[in-house]
Amino acid sequence: MDLGCIMRHRFLHSAFKSSLDRFLCPTRMSNSKINVVPIACHLSNLTVFTTDDNPVLPNTVLQDSQSFSLKVTVEFSGPGAIALMPLAPLIQVEFYAKPLSPDPGMILGNVEVKASPDVLIYPLTLTLPSPAAIGLRAKTIYCIGSVLRVGDPEWPSLINGFTEELTIEVYTSASEKSVI
């Protein structure tokens, strides 16, 4: 074997080994760069409202026979949001109530919506029957919260969070007491 052949063999072996090392050990790849664009998500404006046109009390004080709704806003921002929305991830919000006592809390229900490419703000509303119909007791104060999950429900969430910025009180009205 001549010296030129030996040199070519060593060069090919070295080049092959180097390529194999880069394939098996990708952390050694010096020419790669990965960018993840920032995304922000804000879960806010948790409110309660009723269909009563002339409420005597604020919306946070509910008669135990009065239907009501819970609303929350999910807002995305940043360059990552513009890239994420066309992928149509599922936006899920679960509402819950925890009595301000040692009693256990309860799930009130959830709302789901598929993201749209051109929408960054999602006002989500859960309409409920009366507090008594869903197991909320009169003469009790509840902390109302919501949990956010964004992504496929069968996999870990891409974005998640919660808010507990609302307190409601449930009471029995005087007219209902006289009937009982």
Protein backbone atom coordinates (compact mmCIF):
# COMPACT_ATOMS: atom_id res chain seq x y z
CA MET A 1 0.00 0.00 0.00
CA ASP A 2 1.40 3.37 -0.92
CA LEU A 3 1.45 6.41 1.35
CA GLY A 4 -1.29 8.24 -0.66
CA CYS A 5 -3.68 5.32 -0.23
CA ILE A 6 -2.98 5.17 3.51
CA MET A 7 -3.61 8.91 3.87
CA ARG A 8 -6.91 8.70 1.93
CA HIS A 9 -8.01 5.77 4.11
CA ARG A 10 -7.21 7.69 7.32
CA PHE A 11 -8.97 10.80 5.99
CA LEU A 12 -12.14 8.85 5.06
CA HIS A 13 -12.08 7.00 8.38
CA SER A 14 -11.67 10.29 10.24
CA ALA A 15 -14.44 12.01 8.23
CA PHE A 16 -16.79 9.04 8.75
CA LYS A 17 -16.04 8.94 12.50
CA SER A 18 -16.61 12.69 12.77
CA SER A 19 -19.98 12.43 10.95
CA LEU A 20 -20.99 9.46 13.07
CA ASP A 21 -20.04 11.32 16.27
CA ARG A 22 -22.18 14.32 15.24
CA PHE A 23 -25.10 12.02 14.50
CA LEU A 24 -24.82 10.07 17.76
CA CYS A 25 -23.91 13.08 19.90
CA PRO A 26 -25.99 15.99 18.60
CA THR A 27 -24.81 18.26 21.43
CA ARG A 28 -21.50 18.50 19.60
CA MET A 29 -23.17 20.10 16.58
CA SER A 30 -21.68 23.54 16.57
CA ASN A 31 -23.69 24.89 13.64
CA SER A 32 -27.17 24.30 15.08
CA LYS A 33 -29.33 26.95 16.67
CA ILE A 34 -32.88 26.63 18.01
CA ASN A 35 -35.14 29.59 18.69
CA VAL A 36 -38.29 29.45 20.75
CA VAL A 37 -40.35 32.59 20.37
CA PRO A 38 -41.87 34.00 23.57
CA ILE A 39 -45.55 33.59 24.29
CA ALA A 40 -47.58 35.11 27.11
CA CYS A 41 -50.96 33.97 28.37
CA HIS A 42 -53.11 35.86 30.85
CA LEU A 43 -56.12 34.34 32.65
CA SER A 44 -58.16 37.20 34.14
CA ASN A 45 -61.47 38.96 34.67
CA LEU A 46 -63.17 36.09 36.51
CA THR A 47 -66.71 37.40 37.07
CA VAL A 48 -70.15 36.14 38.01
CA PHE A 49 -73.39 37.50 36.58
CA THR A 50 -77.08 36.70 36.56
CA THR A 51 -79.89 37.35 34.12
CA ASP A 52 -81.73 39.46 36.71
CA ASP A 53 -82.42 42.84 35.07
CA ASN A 54 -82.90 44.67 38.37
CA PRO A 55 -80.63 43.07 40.95
CA VAL A 56 -81.17 44.26 44.52
CA LEU A 57 -77.79 42.87 45.58
CA PRO A 58 -74.46 42.70 43.74
CA ASN A 59 -73.90 39.77 41.37
CA THR A 60 -71.55 38.15 43.89
CA VAL A 61 -74.51 37.54 46.23
CA LEU A 62 -76.69 34.79 44.75
CA GLN A 63 -80.10 33.52 45.77
CA ASP A 64 -79.95 29.74 46.07
CA SER A 65 -82.71 29.48 43.41
CA GLN A 66 -81.17 31.95 40.94
CA SER A 67 -79.29 30.71 37.85
CA PHE A 68 -75.96 32.38 37.17
CA SER A 69 -72.95 32.40 34.83
CA LEU A 70 -69.20 32.54 35.31
CA LYS A 71 -66.96 34.29 32.81
CA VAL A 72 -63.18 34.47 32.44
CA THR A 73 -60.89 35.92 29.79
CA VAL A 74 -57.94 34.03 28.29
CA GLU A 75 -55.57 36.35 26.43
CA PHE A 76 -52.48 35.36 24.42
CA SER A 77 -49.75 37.78 23.37
CA GLY A 78 -46.23 37.84 21.98
CA PRO A 79 -44.76 36.52 18.74
CA GLY A 80 -45.25 32.94 19.95
CA ALA A 81 -49.01 33.48 20.19
CA ILE A 82 -49.17 34.46 16.53
CA ALA A 83 -47.34 31.23 15.68
CA LEU A 84 -49.38 29.05 18.09
CA MET A 85 -52.95 30.06 17.21
CA PRO A 86 -52.90 28.64 13.63
CA LEU A 87 -52.13 25.23 15.20
CA ALA A 88 -55.61 25.43 16.81
CA PRO A 89 -54.75 24.16 20.29
CA LEU A 90 -57.64 23.32 22.60
CA ILE A 91 -58.24 25.98 25.28
CA GLN A 92 -59.90 24.45 28.35
CA VAL A 93 -61.09 26.29 31.45
CA GLU A 94 -62.52 24.40 34.42
CA PHE A 95 -64.45 26.37 37.05
CA TYR A 96 -64.61 25.29 40.70
CA ALA A 97 -66.00 26.45 44.05
CA LYS A 98 -64.33 26.05 47.44
CA PRO A 99 -66.36 26.90 50.52
CA LEU A 100 -64.49 29.10 52.98
CA SER A 101 -64.80 26.32 55.55
CA PRO A 102 -63.25 22.87 56.07
CA ASP A 103 -65.76 21.36 53.60
CA PRO A 104 -64.41 20.07 50.28
CA GLY A 105 -64.71 22.05 47.06
CA MET A 106 -66.48 21.02 43.89
CA ILE A 107 -66.04 21.31 40.14
CA LEU A 108 -68.76 23.47 38.61
CA GLY A 109 -68.08 22.66 34.97
CA ASN A 110 -65.77 23.46 32.09
CA VAL A 111 -65.66 25.31 28.80
CA GLU A 112 -63.55 24.29 25.80
CA VAL A 113 -62.79 26.11 22.57
CA LYS A 114 -60.40 25.48 19.70
CA ALA A 115 -58.09 28.42 19.07
CA SER A 116 -58.52 30.34 15.82
CA PRO A 117 -55.60 31.71 13.79
CA ASP A 118 -56.70 35.34 14.01
CA VAL A 119 -58.02 35.42 17.61
CA LEU A 120 -55.84 36.17 20.65
CA ILE A 121 -58.54 36.99 23.25
CA TYR A 122 -61.08 34.36 24.32
CA PRO A 123 -63.92 35.35 26.69
CA LEU A 124 -65.26 32.02 28.01
CA THR A 125 -68.61 31.69 29.80
CA LEU A 126 -70.09 28.82 31.80
CA THR A 127 -73.87 29.06 32.38
CA LEU A 128 -75.11 27.22 35.45
CA PRO A 129 -78.47 26.43 37.04
CA SER A 130 -79.22 27.69 40.54
CA PRO A 131 -76.66 27.20 43.34
CA ALA A 132 -79.04 24.80 45.11
CA ALA A 133 -79.36 22.68 41.94
CA ILE A 134 -75.57 22.17 41.71
CA GLY A 135 -74.95 21.58 45.42
CA LEU A 136 -73.87 25.02 46.66
CA ARG A 137 -75.36 25.62 50.11
CA ALA A 138 -77.14 28.73 51.34
CA LYS A 139 -75.47 30.77 54.11
CA THR A 140 -72.07 29.84 52.66
CA ILE A 141 -69.31 31.92 51.13
CA TYR A 142 -67.33 30.36 48.28
CA CYS A 143 -64.04 31.13 46.61
CA ILE A 144 -64.58 30.67 42.87
CA GLY A 145 -61.61 29.72 40.73
CA SER A 146 -60.73 28.64 37.24
CA VAL A 147 -57.99 26.39 35.89
CA LEU A 148 -56.57 26.88 32.39
CA ARG A 149 -55.07 24.18 30.15
CA VAL A 150 -53.94 24.81 26.58
CA GLY A 151 -53.04 21.85 24.39
CA ASP A 152 -54.15 18.31 23.69
CA PRO A 153 -56.22 16.96 26.62
CA GLU A 154 -54.51 13.56 26.33
CA TRP A 155 -51.02 15.03 26.80
CA PRO A 156 -49.31 17.39 29.23
CA SER A 157 -50.49 20.95 28.70
CA LEU A 158 -48.44 23.43 26.72
CA ILE A 159 -49.68 26.30 28.90
CA ASN A 160 -51.48 26.07 32.25
CA GLY A 161 -52.46 28.28 35.15
CA PHE A 162 -55.27 29.26 37.51
CA THR A 163 -56.97 32.22 39.13
CA GLU A 164 -59.01 32.57 42.31
CA GLU A 165 -60.08 36.19 42.19
CA LEU A 166 -63.78 35.87 43.00
CA THR A 167 -65.81 35.28 46.14
CA ILE A 168 -69.56 34.67 46.12
CA GLU A 169 -72.16 34.27 48.84
CA VAL A 170 -75.25 32.08 48.52
CA TYR A 171 -78.38 32.91 50.51
CA THR A 172 -82.04 31.91 50.75
CA SER A 173 -84.40 34.80 49.99
CA ALA A 174 -87.09 35.84 52.50
CA SER A 175 -89.90 34.81 50.11
CA GLU A 176 -88.44 31.31 49.82
CA LYS A 177 -88.16 31.00 53.63
CA SER A 178 -91.85 31.80 54.11
CA VAL A 179 -92.85 29.05 51.62
CA ILE A 180 -90.74 26.44 53.45
